[in-house]
Amino acid sequence: MKRGKIPVEKKQTNELQSGDPQGLIRLNKFIANSGFAARRKVDELIETGRVTVNRKTITELGTKIDPENDIVKIDGEAVKSQSKNIYILLNKPKGYITTTADELNRPKVMDLVKLKDRVYPVGRLDYESEGLLLLTNDGDLANKLMHPKHNVLKTYQVKVNNPVDEIKLHKLRTGVKVEGKLTGPANVKVVPETGKHELIIIIHEGRNRQIRKMLEAIGLFVRKLKRVEYAGLKIEDLRSGSWRYLDAAEVASLKKLTSQESNHKRDKKA
């Protein structure tokens, strides 16, 4: 492909869209796979005019490029293909943010994972929360894990300010209104011998600060929130602030979980 000619999806033939014999790839997929950011963030970067291809600003999400010859930049910084995919499990401490940049200069989870290769968080845990956070440069997998259709389960251990009665438990289990929208049913258990001050909450949604907002909606305040499991991965004995690479079996499990075939089989069993 000649440099400077950036084909977009609406101009592609069916043959090109299926298999891409000319070696073209979607611009957003290329950037996500580079480890620069997750797919949703990449789309935002494109739409706001921060991405150029061969010095031309691109705002069309359907744009396809030739990764071998086209020069892609974000805010003037060249985007390069990653030679390998990286998968990391981090035990995030309280007091760290999960964004890659912060106007307030607060500590970032990226400060804990110091690698030459760029990785980014899959989803987020807010500043006050702690626990399991997955980081990767595999844009496709990250996008699938965060997509609502895959119903990825997240388990939280939560300490609250007051005892939880049966009425409040019922509300959590059937759904509560958060910002005018009903949440999905949560799997909620009271941790024994905690005076009903500690809960295990399992959800599949991923709204911003969802657990905190759910509990606030029923009159409870979160004193401590820790994610202990995500998509079948467990925090186990990993120390706060420490991280490890996922093994091959764990990566395969994540990919199986987010495959269409796997979801279809789960739906049939339900």
C-alpha atoms as a PDB file:
ATOM      1  CA  MET A   1       0.000   0.000   0.000  1.00  0.00           C
ATOM      2  CA  LYS A   2       1.292   3.437  -0.889  1.00  0.00           C
ATOM      3  CA  ARG A   3       2.151   5.608   2.050  1.00  0.00           C
ATOM      4  CA  GLY A   4      -0.402   8.325   2.715  1.00  0.00           C
ATOM      5  CA  LYS A   5      -3.429   6.398   1.459  1.00  0.00           C
ATOM      6  CA  ILE A   6      -5.400   5.353   4.515  1.00  0.00           C
ATOM      7  CA  PRO A   7      -8.282   3.036   3.581  1.00  0.00           C
ATOM      8  CA  VAL A   8     -11.368   3.164   5.754  1.00  0.00           C
ATOM      9  CA  GLU A   9     -13.841   0.422   6.468  1.00  0.00           C
ATOM     10  CA  LYS A  10     -16.637   1.751   4.259  1.00  0.00           C
ATOM     11  CA  LYS A  11     -14.294   1.661   1.237  1.00  0.00           C
ATOM     12  CA  GLN A  12     -13.163  -1.913   1.792  1.00  0.00           C
ATOM     13  CA  THR A  13     -14.554  -4.857  -0.112  1.00  0.00           C
ATOM     14  CA  ASN A  14     -16.038  -7.864   1.701  1.00  0.00           C
ATOM     15  CA  GLU A  15     -12.967  -9.826   0.707  1.00  0.00           C
ATOM     16  CA  LEU A  16     -10.667  -7.319   2.405  1.00  0.00           C
ATOM     17  CA  GLN A  17     -12.736  -7.181   5.573  1.00  0.00           C
ATOM     18  CA  SER A  18     -12.644 -10.966   5.814  1.00  0.00           C
ATOM     19  CA  GLY A  19      -9.031 -12.010   6.209  1.00  0.00           C
ATOM     20  CA  ASP A  20      -7.384  -8.821   4.925  1.00  0.00           C
ATOM     21  CA  PRO A  21      -5.210 -10.406   2.171  1.00  0.00           C
ATOM     22  CA  GLN A  22      -3.349  -7.084   1.783  1.00  0.00           C
ATOM     23  CA  GLY A  23      -2.140  -7.264   5.395  1.00  0.00           C
ATOM     24  CA  LEU A  24      -4.274  -4.370   6.605  1.00  0.00           C
ATOM     25  CA  ILE A  25      -5.398  -4.031  10.219  1.00  0.00           C
ATOM     26  CA  ARG A  26      -7.813  -1.717  11.998  1.00  0.00           C
ATOM     27  CA  LEU A  27      -6.024   1.317  13.402  1.00  0.00           C
ATOM     28  CA  ASN A  28      -7.615   0.956  16.856  1.00  0.00           C
ATOM     29  CA  LYS A  29      -6.676  -2.717  17.010  1.00  0.00           C
ATOM     30  CA  PHE A  30      -3.085  -1.951  16.004  1.00  0.00           C
ATOM     31  CA  ILE A  31      -2.723   0.680  18.746  1.00  0.00           C
ATOM     32  CA  ALA A  32      -4.371  -1.516  21.382  1.00  0.00           C
ATOM     33  CA  ASN A  33      -2.142  -4.448  20.449  1.00  0.00           C
ATOM     34  CA  SER A  34       0.891  -2.200  20.803  1.00  0.00           C
ATOM     35  CA  GLY A  35       0.148  -1.925  24.512  1.00  0.00           C
ATOM     36  CA  PHE A  36      -0.493   1.817  24.351  1.00  0.00           C
ATOM     37  CA  ALA A  37      -3.989   1.641  25.851  1.00  0.00           C
ATOM     38  CA  ALA A  38      -7.128  -0.483  25.998  1.00  0.00           C
ATOM     39  CA  ARG A  39      -9.455  -0.450  22.979  1.00  0.00           C
ATOM     40  CA  ARG A  40     -12.023   1.921  24.478  1.00  0.00           C
ATOM     41  CA  LYS A  41      -9.342   4.466  25.341  1.00  0.00           C
ATOM     42  CA  VAL A  42      -7.821   4.066  21.880  1.00  0.00           C
ATOM     43  CA  ASP A  43     -11.180   4.848  20.263  1.00  0.00           C
ATOM     44  CA  GLU A  44     -11.355   8.021  22.349  1.00  0.00           C
ATOM     45  CA  LEU A  45      -7.844   9.016  21.253  1.00  0.00           C
ATOM     46  CA  ILE A  46      -8.799   8.566  17.600  1.00  0.00           C
ATOM     47  CA  GLU A  47     -12.110  10.412  17.840  1.00  0.00           C
ATOM     48  CA  THR A  48     -10.465  13.396  19.563  1.00  0.00           C
ATOM     49  CA  GLY A  49      -7.885  13.777  16.809  1.00  0.00           C
ATOM     50  CA  ARG A  50      -4.794  12.728  18.753  1.00  0.00           C
ATOM     51  CA  VAL A  51      -3.779   9.983  16.301  1.00  0.00           C
ATOM     52  CA  THR A  52      -1.956  10.500  13.007  1.00  0.00           C
ATOM     53  CA  VAL A  53      -1.046   8.074  10.261  1.00  0.00           C
ATOM     54  CA  ASN A  54       1.707   9.226   7.941  1.00  0.00           C
ATOM     55  CA  ARG A  55       1.302  12.752   9.418  1.00  0.00           C
ATOM     56  CA  LYS A  56      -2.421  12.805   8.604  1.00  0.00           C
ATOM     57  CA  THR A  57      -4.859  13.172  11.524  1.00  0.00           C
ATOM     58  CA  ILE A  58      -7.321  10.280  11.638  1.00  0.00           C
ATOM     59  CA  THR A  59     -10.698  10.455  13.391  1.00  0.00           C
ATOM     60  CA  GLU A  60     -12.518   7.591  11.628  1.00  0.00           C
ATOM     61  CA  LEU A  61     -12.701   4.470  13.837  1.00  0.00           C
ATOM     62  CA  GLY A  62     -13.019   2.178  10.811  1.00  0.00           C
ATOM     63  CA  THR A  63      -9.653   3.227   9.377  1.00  0.00           C
ATOM     64  CA  LYS A  64      -7.315   0.407   8.392  1.00  0.00           C
ATOM     65  CA  ILE A  65      -3.556   0.646   8.031  1.00  0.00           C
ATOM     66  CA  ASP A  66      -0.592  -1.315   6.794  1.00  0.00           C
ATOM     67  CA  PRO A  67       1.366  -2.035  10.008  1.00  0.00           C
ATOM     68  CA  GLU A  68       4.529  -2.752   8.035  1.00  0.00           C
ATOM     69  CA  ASN A  69       4.692   0.573   6.187  1.00  0.00           C
ATOM     70  CA  ASP A  70       2.402   3.153   7.788  1.00  0.00           C
ATOM     71  CA  ILE A  71       3.726   5.389  10.578  1.00  0.00           C
ATOM     72  CA  VAL A  72       1.276   5.760  13.459  1.00  0.00           C
ATOM     73  CA  LYS A  73       1.731   8.407  16.148  1.00  0.00           C
ATOM     74  CA  ILE A  74      -0.231   9.475  19.232  1.00  0.00           C
ATOM     75  CA  ASP A  75       0.436  13.049  20.335  1.00  0.00           C
ATOM     76  CA  GLY A  76       3.575  12.885  18.221  1.00  0.00           C
ATOM     77  CA  GLU A  77       4.863   9.670  19.825  1.00  0.00           C
ATOM     78  CA  ALA A  78       5.427   6.764  17.450  1.00  0.00           C
ATOM     79  CA  VAL A  79       3.421   3.597  18.130  1.00  0.00           C
ATOM     80  CA  LYS A  80       5.332   0.377  17.588  1.00  0.00           C
ATOM     81  CA  SER A  81       4.112  -3.199  17.385  1.00  0.00           C
ATOM     82  CA  GLN A  82       4.772  -5.382  20.400  1.00  0.00           C
ATOM     83  CA  SER A  83       6.892  -8.460  19.747  1.00  0.00           C
ATOM     84  CA  LYS A  84       5.161 -10.487  22.461  1.00  0.00           C
ATOM     85  CA  ASN A  85       2.072 -10.399  24.644  1.00  0.00           C
ATOM     86  CA  ILE A  86       2.524  -9.818  28.371  1.00  0.00           C
ATOM     87  CA  TYR A  87       0.033 -10.767  31.101  1.00  0.00           C
ATOM     88  CA  ILE A  88       0.527  -9.579  34.676  1.00  0.00           C
ATOM     89  CA  LEU A  89      -1.430 -10.041  37.899  1.00  0.00           C
ATOM     90  CA  LEU A  90      -0.876  -7.208  40.407  1.00  0.00           C
ATOM     91  CA  ASN A  91      -2.036  -6.907  44.004  1.00  0.00           C
ATOM     92  CA  LYS A  92      -2.869  -3.192  43.921  1.00  0.00           C
ATOM     93  CA  PRO A  93      -2.369  -1.314  47.204  1.00  0.00           C
ATOM     94  CA  LYS A  94      -4.698   1.407  48.423  1.00  0.00           C
ATOM     95  CA  GLY A  95      -3.589   4.883  47.325  1.00  0.00           C
ATOM     96  CA  TYR A  96      -2.700   4.075  43.705  1.00  0.00           C
ATOM     97  CA  ILE A  97      -4.665   4.992  40.583  1.00  0.00           C
ATOM     98  CA  THR A  98      -5.158   2.664  37.630  1.00  0.00           C
ATOM     99  CA  THR A  99      -4.938   5.298  34.893  1.00  0.00           C
ATOM    100  CA  THR A 100      -1.649   5.719  33.051  1.00  0.00           C
ATOM    101  CA  ALA A 101      -1.592   9.493  33.676  1.00  0.00           C
ATOM    102  CA  ASP A 102      -2.908  11.745  36.442  1.00  0.00           C
ATOM    103  CA  GLU A 103      -3.257  15.521  36.706  1.00  0.00           C
ATOM    104  CA  LEU A 104      -2.826  15.351  40.492  1.00  0.00           C
ATOM    105  CA  ASN A 105       0.465  13.443  40.262  1.00  0.00           C
ATOM    106  CA  ARG A 106      -0.812  10.623  42.469  1.00  0.00           C
ATOM    107  CA  PRO A 107       1.024   7.266  42.540  1.00  0.00           C
ATOM    108  CA  LYS A 108       0.086   5.029  39.601  1.00  0.00           C
ATOM    109  CA  VAL A 109      -0.005   1.247  39.370  1.00  0.00           C
ATOM    110  CA  MET A 110       2.456   1.578  36.508  1.00  0.00           C
ATOM    111  CA  ASP A 111       4.997   2.772  39.096  1.00  0.00           C
ATOM    112  CA  LEU A 112       4.790  -0.685  40.664  1.00  0.00           C
ATOM    113  CA  VAL A 113       5.251  -2.615  37.398  1.00  0.00           C
ATOM    114  CA  LYS A 114       8.466  -1.315  35.894  1.00  0.00           C
ATOM    115  CA  LEU A 115       8.931  -2.946  32.500  1.00  0.00           C
ATOM    116  CA  LYS A 116      10.474  -1.771  29.254  1.00  0.00           C
ATOM    117  CA  ASP A 117       7.404  -3.064  27.431  1.00  0.00           C
ATOM    118  CA  ARG A 118       4.251  -0.988  27.770  1.00  0.00           C
ATOM    119  CA  VAL A 119       1.289  -2.630  29.515  1.00  0.00           C
ATOM    120  CA  TYR A 120      -1.958  -1.136  30.789  1.00  0.00           C
ATOM    121  CA  PRO A 121      -4.652  -2.069  33.313  1.00  0.00           C
ATOM    122  CA  VAL A 122      -7.677  -4.133  32.285  1.00  0.00           C
ATOM    123  CA  GLY A 123     -10.554  -2.210  33.834  1.00  0.00           C
ATOM    124  CA  ARG A 124      -9.816  -0.323  37.021  1.00  0.00           C
ATOM    125  CA  LEU A 125      -9.829  -0.230  40.779  1.00  0.00           C
ATOM    126  CA  ASP A 126     -10.416   3.177  42.321  1.00  0.00           C
ATOM    127  CA  TYR A 127      -7.831   5.059  44.380  1.00  0.00           C
ATOM    128  CA  GLU A 128      -9.143   3.822  47.747  1.00  0.00           C
ATOM    129  CA  SER A 129      -9.602   0.192  46.658  1.00  0.00           C
ATOM    130  CA  GLU A 130      -7.050  -2.608  46.575  1.00  0.00           C
ATOM    131  CA  GLY A 131      -6.594  -6.113  45.268  1.00  0.00           C
ATOM    132  CA  LEU A 132      -6.378  -8.013  42.023  1.00  0.00           C
ATOM    133  CA  LEU A 133      -5.651  -6.023  38.876  1.00  0.00           C
ATOM    134  CA  LEU A 134      -4.777  -7.531  35.515  1.00  0.00           C
ATOM    135  CA  LEU A 135      -2.347  -5.686  33.222  1.00  0.00           C
ATOM    136  CA  THR A 136      -1.497  -6.600  29.638  1.00  0.00           C
ATOM    137  CA  ASN A 137      -0.552  -5.361  26.194  1.00  0.00           C
ATOM    138  CA  ASP A 138      -2.966  -7.820  24.552  1.00  0.00           C
ATOM    139  CA  GLY A 139      -5.562  -5.342  23.321  1.00  0.00           C
ATOM    140  CA  ASP A 140      -7.951  -7.961  21.956  1.00  0.00           C
ATOM    141  CA  LEU A 141      -8.126  -9.916  25.193  1.00  0.00           C
ATOM    142  CA  ALA A 142      -8.410  -6.773  27.318  1.00  0.00           C
ATOM    143  CA  ASN A 143     -11.299  -5.519  25.217  1.00  0.00           C
ATOM    144  CA  LYS A 144     -13.130  -8.845  25.499  1.00  0.00           C
ATOM    145  CA  LEU A 145     -12.631  -9.072  29.259  1.00  0.00           C
ATOM    146  CA  MET A 146     -14.121  -5.596  29.722  1.00  0.00           C
ATOM    147  CA  HIS A 147     -17.032  -6.123  27.319  1.00  0.00           C
ATOM    148  CA  PRO A 148     -20.353  -6.637  29.167  1.00  0.00           C
ATOM    149  CA  LYS A 149     -21.439  -9.506  26.906  1.00  0.00           C
ATOM    150  CA  HIS A 150     -18.807 -11.842  28.380  1.00  0.00           C
ATOM    151  CA  ASN A 151     -20.175 -11.496  31.945  1.00  0.00           C
ATOM    152  CA  VAL A 152     -16.726 -11.701  33.539  1.00  0.00           C
ATOM    153  CA  LEU A 153     -17.132 -12.295  37.272  1.00  0.00           C
ATOM    154  CA  LYS A 154     -15.420 -10.077  39.848  1.00  0.00           C
ATOM    155  CA  THR A 155     -15.280 -10.964  43.554  1.00  0.00           C
ATOM    156  CA  TYR A 156     -14.835  -8.344  46.280  1.00  0.00           C
ATOM    157  CA  GLN A 157     -14.252  -8.584  50.016  1.00  0.00           C
ATOM    158  CA  VAL A 158     -15.909  -5.538  51.600  1.00  0.00           C
ATOM    159  CA  LYS A 159     -15.977  -4.139  55.144  1.00  0.00           C
ATOM    160  CA  VAL A 160     -18.834  -1.732  55.898  1.00  0.00           C
ATOM    161  CA  ASN A 161     -19.598   0.711  58.716  1.00  0.00           C
ATOM    162  CA  ASN A 162     -22.797  -0.930  60.017  1.00  0.00           C
ATOM    163  CA  PRO A 163     -24.194  -4.471  60.269  1.00  0.00           C
ATOM    164  CA  VAL A 164     -25.995  -5.641  57.132  1.00  0.00           C
ATOM    165  CA  ASP A 165     -29.574  -6.761  57.742  1.00  0.00           C
ATOM    166  CA  GLU A 166     -31.662  -9.109  55.594  1.00  0.00           C
ATOM    167  CA  ILE A 167     -33.528  -6.262  53.883  1.00  0.00           C
ATOM    168  CA  LYS A 168     -30.277  -4.727  52.644  1.00  0.00           C
ATOM    169  CA  LEU A 169     -28.942  -8.125  51.574  1.00  0.00           C
ATOM    170  CA  HIS A 170     -32.112  -8.754  49.577  1.00  0.00           C
ATOM    171  CA  LYS A 171     -31.742  -5.414  47.797  1.00  0.00           C
ATOM    172  CA  LEU A 172     -28.157  -6.189  46.810  1.00  0.00           C
ATOM    173  CA  ARG A 173     -29.140  -9.635  45.592  1.00  0.00           C
ATOM    174  CA  THR A 174     -32.014  -8.372  43.448  1.00  0.00           C
ATOM    175  CA  GLY A 175     -30.486  -5.096  42.231  1.00  0.00           C
ATOM    176  CA  VAL A 176     -30.354  -1.510  43.470  1.00  0.00           C
ATOM    177  CA  LYS A 177     -30.683   1.759  41.603  1.00  0.00           C
ATOM    178  CA  VAL A 178     -27.366   3.473  40.950  1.00  0.00           C
ATOM    179  CA  GLU A 179     -27.529   6.797  39.123  1.00  0.00           C
ATOM    180  CA  GLY A 180     -31.027   6.000  37.910  1.00  0.00           C
ATOM    181  CA  LYS A 181     -30.184   2.547  36.535  1.00  0.00           C
ATOM    182  CA  LEU A 182     -30.842  -0.791  38.221  1.00  0.00           C
ATOM    183  CA  THR A 183     -27.769  -2.957  38.826  1.00  0.00           C
ATOM    184  CA  GLY A 184     -27.773  -6.642  37.991  1.00  0.00           C
ATOM    185  CA  PRO A 185     -28.341  -9.139  40.805  1.00  0.00           C
ATOM    186  CA  ALA A 186     -25.247  -9.654  42.954  1.00  0.00           C
ATOM    187  CA  ASN A 187     -24.138 -12.808  44.717  1.00  0.00           C
ATOM    188  CA  VAL A 188     -23.709 -11.639  48.321  1.00  0.00           C
ATOM    189  CA  LYS A 189     -22.532 -13.594  51.362  1.00  0.00           C
ATOM    190  CA  VAL A 190     -21.902 -12.427  54.909  1.00  0.00           C
ATOM    191  CA  VAL A 191     -18.464 -13.379  56.218  1.00  0.00           C
ATOM    192  CA  PRO A 192     -18.980 -15.379  59.464  1.00  0.00           C
ATOM    193  CA  GLU A 193     -17.888 -13.949  62.802  1.00  0.00           C
ATOM    194  CA  THR A 194     -17.591 -10.355  61.558  1.00  0.00           C
ATOM    195  CA  GLY A 195     -20.751  -9.038  63.180  1.00  0.00           C
ATOM    196  CA  LYS A 196     -22.295  -8.722  59.700  1.00  0.00           C
ATOM    197  CA  HIS A 197     -19.753  -5.992  58.930  1.00  0.00           C
ATOM    198  CA  GLU A 198     -17.956  -7.919  56.187  1.00  0.00           C
ATOM    199  CA  LEU A 199     -19.322  -9.195  52.874  1.00  0.00           C
ATOM    200  CA  ILE A 200     -18.228 -11.167  49.839  1.00  0.00           C
ATOM    201  CA  ILE A 201     -19.854  -9.613  46.769  1.00  0.00           C
ATOM    202  CA  ILE A 202     -19.679 -11.121  43.273  1.00  0.00           C
ATOM    203  CA  ILE A 203     -20.816  -9.084  40.244  1.00  0.00           C
ATOM    204  CA  HIS A 204     -20.334  -9.277  36.486  1.00  0.00           C
ATOM    205  CA  GLU A 205     -20.897  -5.600  35.688  1.00  0.00           C
ATOM    206  CA  GLY A 206     -18.102  -3.057  35.599  1.00  0.00           C
ATOM    207  CA  ARG A 207     -19.563   0.367  36.278  1.00  0.00           C
ATOM    208  CA  ASN A 208     -17.365   3.051  37.807  1.00  0.00           C
ATOM    209  CA  ARG A 209     -17.071   2.590  41.613  1.00  0.00           C
ATOM    210  CA  GLN A 210     -20.019   0.191  41.395  1.00  0.00           C
ATOM    211  CA  ILE A 211     -19.633  -1.667  44.705  1.00  0.00           C
ATOM    212  CA  ARG A 212     -19.292   1.580  46.663  1.00  0.00           C
ATOM    213  CA  LYS A 213     -22.294   3.121  44.944  1.00  0.00           C
ATOM    214  CA  MET A 214     -24.425  -0.002  45.444  1.00  0.00           C
ATOM    215  CA  LEU A 215     -23.725   0.040  49.169  1.00  0.00           C
ATOM    216  CA  GLU A 216     -24.247   3.798  49.434  1.00  0.00           C
ATOM    217  CA  ALA A 217     -27.646   3.316  47.779  1.00  0.00           C
ATOM    218  CA  ILE A 218     -28.751   1.137  50.700  1.00  0.00           C
ATOM    219  CA  GLY A 219     -27.241   3.365  53.379  1.00  0.00           C
ATOM    220  CA  LEU A 220     -23.881   1.722  53.978  1.00  0.00           C
ATOM    221  CA  PHE A 221     -20.373   3.180  53.850  1.00  0.00           C
ATOM    222  CA  VAL A 222     -17.363   1.167  52.645  1.00  0.00           C
ATOM    223  CA  ARG A 223     -14.458   1.056  55.090  1.00  0.00           C
ATOM    224  CA  LYS A 224     -12.339  -1.334  53.050  1.00  0.00           C
ATOM    225  CA  LEU A 225     -12.741  -2.823  49.577  1.00  0.00           C
ATOM    226  CA  LYS A 226     -10.513  -5.500  48.100  1.00  0.00           C
ATOM    227  CA  ARG A 227     -10.932  -7.418  44.851  1.00  0.00           C
ATOM    228  CA  VAL A 228      -9.871 -11.005  45.525  1.00  0.00           C
ATOM    229  CA  GLU A 229     -10.839 -12.680  42.251  1.00  0.00           C
ATOM    230  CA  TYR A 230     -11.249 -11.609  38.614  1.00  0.00           C
ATOM    231  CA  ALA A 231     -12.190 -13.828  35.664  1.00  0.00           C
ATOM    232  CA  GLY A 232     -11.166 -16.928  37.621  1.00  0.00           C
ATOM    233  CA  LEU A 233      -7.802 -15.492  38.697  1.00  0.00           C
ATOM    234  CA  LYS A 234      -7.223 -15.262  42.467  1.00  0.00           C
ATOM    235  CA  ILE A 235      -5.047 -12.921  44.510  1.00  0.00           C
ATOM    236  CA  GLU A 236      -4.117 -15.734  46.968  1.00  0.00           C
ATOM    237  CA  ASP A 237      -0.885 -15.007  48.903  1.00  0.00           C
ATOM    238  CA  LEU A 238       0.522 -12.328  46.589  1.00  0.00           C
ATOM    239  CA  ARG A 239       1.720  -9.452  48.804  1.00  0.00           C
ATOM    240  CA  SER A 240       0.273  -5.966  48.414  1.00  0.00           C
ATOM    241  CA  GLY A 241       2.241  -4.030  45.794  1.00  0.00           C
ATOM    242  CA  SER A 242       3.719  -7.212  44.294  1.00  0.00           C
ATOM    243  CA  TRP A 243       3.017  -8.699  40.872  1.00  0.00           C
ATOM    244  CA  ARG A 244       3.667 -11.824  38.852  1.00  0.00           C
ATOM    245  CA  TYR A 245       3.330 -13.027  35.269  1.00  0.00           C
ATOM    246  CA  LEU A 246       0.369 -15.248  34.411  1.00  0.00           C
ATOM    247  CA  ASP A 247       1.310 -18.768  33.411  1.00  0.00           C
ATOM    248  CA  ALA A 248       0.260 -20.333  30.102  1.00  0.00           C
ATOM    249  CA  ALA A 249      -2.697 -22.171  31.661  1.00  0.00           C
ATOM    250  CA  GLU A 250      -4.068 -18.954  33.158  1.00  0.00           C
ATOM    251  CA  VAL A 251      -3.780 -17.097  29.845  1.00  0.00           C
ATOM    252  CA  ALA A 252      -5.496 -19.970  28.029  1.00  0.00           C
ATOM    253  CA  SER A 253      -8.287 -19.906  30.610  1.00  0.00           C
ATOM    254  CA  LEU A 254      -8.894 -16.176  30.043  1.00  0.00           C
ATOM    255  CA  LYS A 255      -9.025 -16.646  26.282  1.00  0.00           C
ATOM    256  CA  LYS A 256     -11.438 -19.557  26.616  1.00  0.00           C
ATOM    257  CA  LEU A 257     -13.620 -17.517  28.950  1.00  0.00           C
ATOM    258  CA  THR A 258     -13.960 -14.718  26.414  1.00  0.00           C
ATOM    259  CA  SER A 259     -14.478 -16.898  23.341  1.00  0.00           C
ATOM    260  CA  GLN A 260     -17.866 -16.873  21.656  1.00  0.00           C
ATOM    261  CA  GLU A 261     -17.962 -20.668  21.730  1.00  0.00           C
ATOM    262  CA  SER A 262     -17.367 -20.713  25.483  1.00  0.00           C
ATOM    263  CA  ASN A 263     -20.133 -18.180  26.107  1.00  0.00           C
ATOM    264  CA  HIS A 264     -22.548 -20.152  23.912  1.00  0.00           C
ATOM    265  CA  LYS A 265     -21.877 -23.331  25.886  1.00  0.00           C
ATOM    266  CA  ARG A 266     -22.377 -21.504  29.193  1.00  0.00           C
ATOM    267  CA  ASP A 267     -25.695 -20.087  27.974  1.00  0.00           C
ATOM    268  CA  LYS A 268     -26.900 -23.552  26.999  1.00  0.00           C
ATOM    269  CA  LYS A 269     -26.079 -24.962  30.443  1.00  0.00           C
ATOM    270  CA  ALA A 270     -27.814 -22.069  32.252  1.00  0.00           C
END
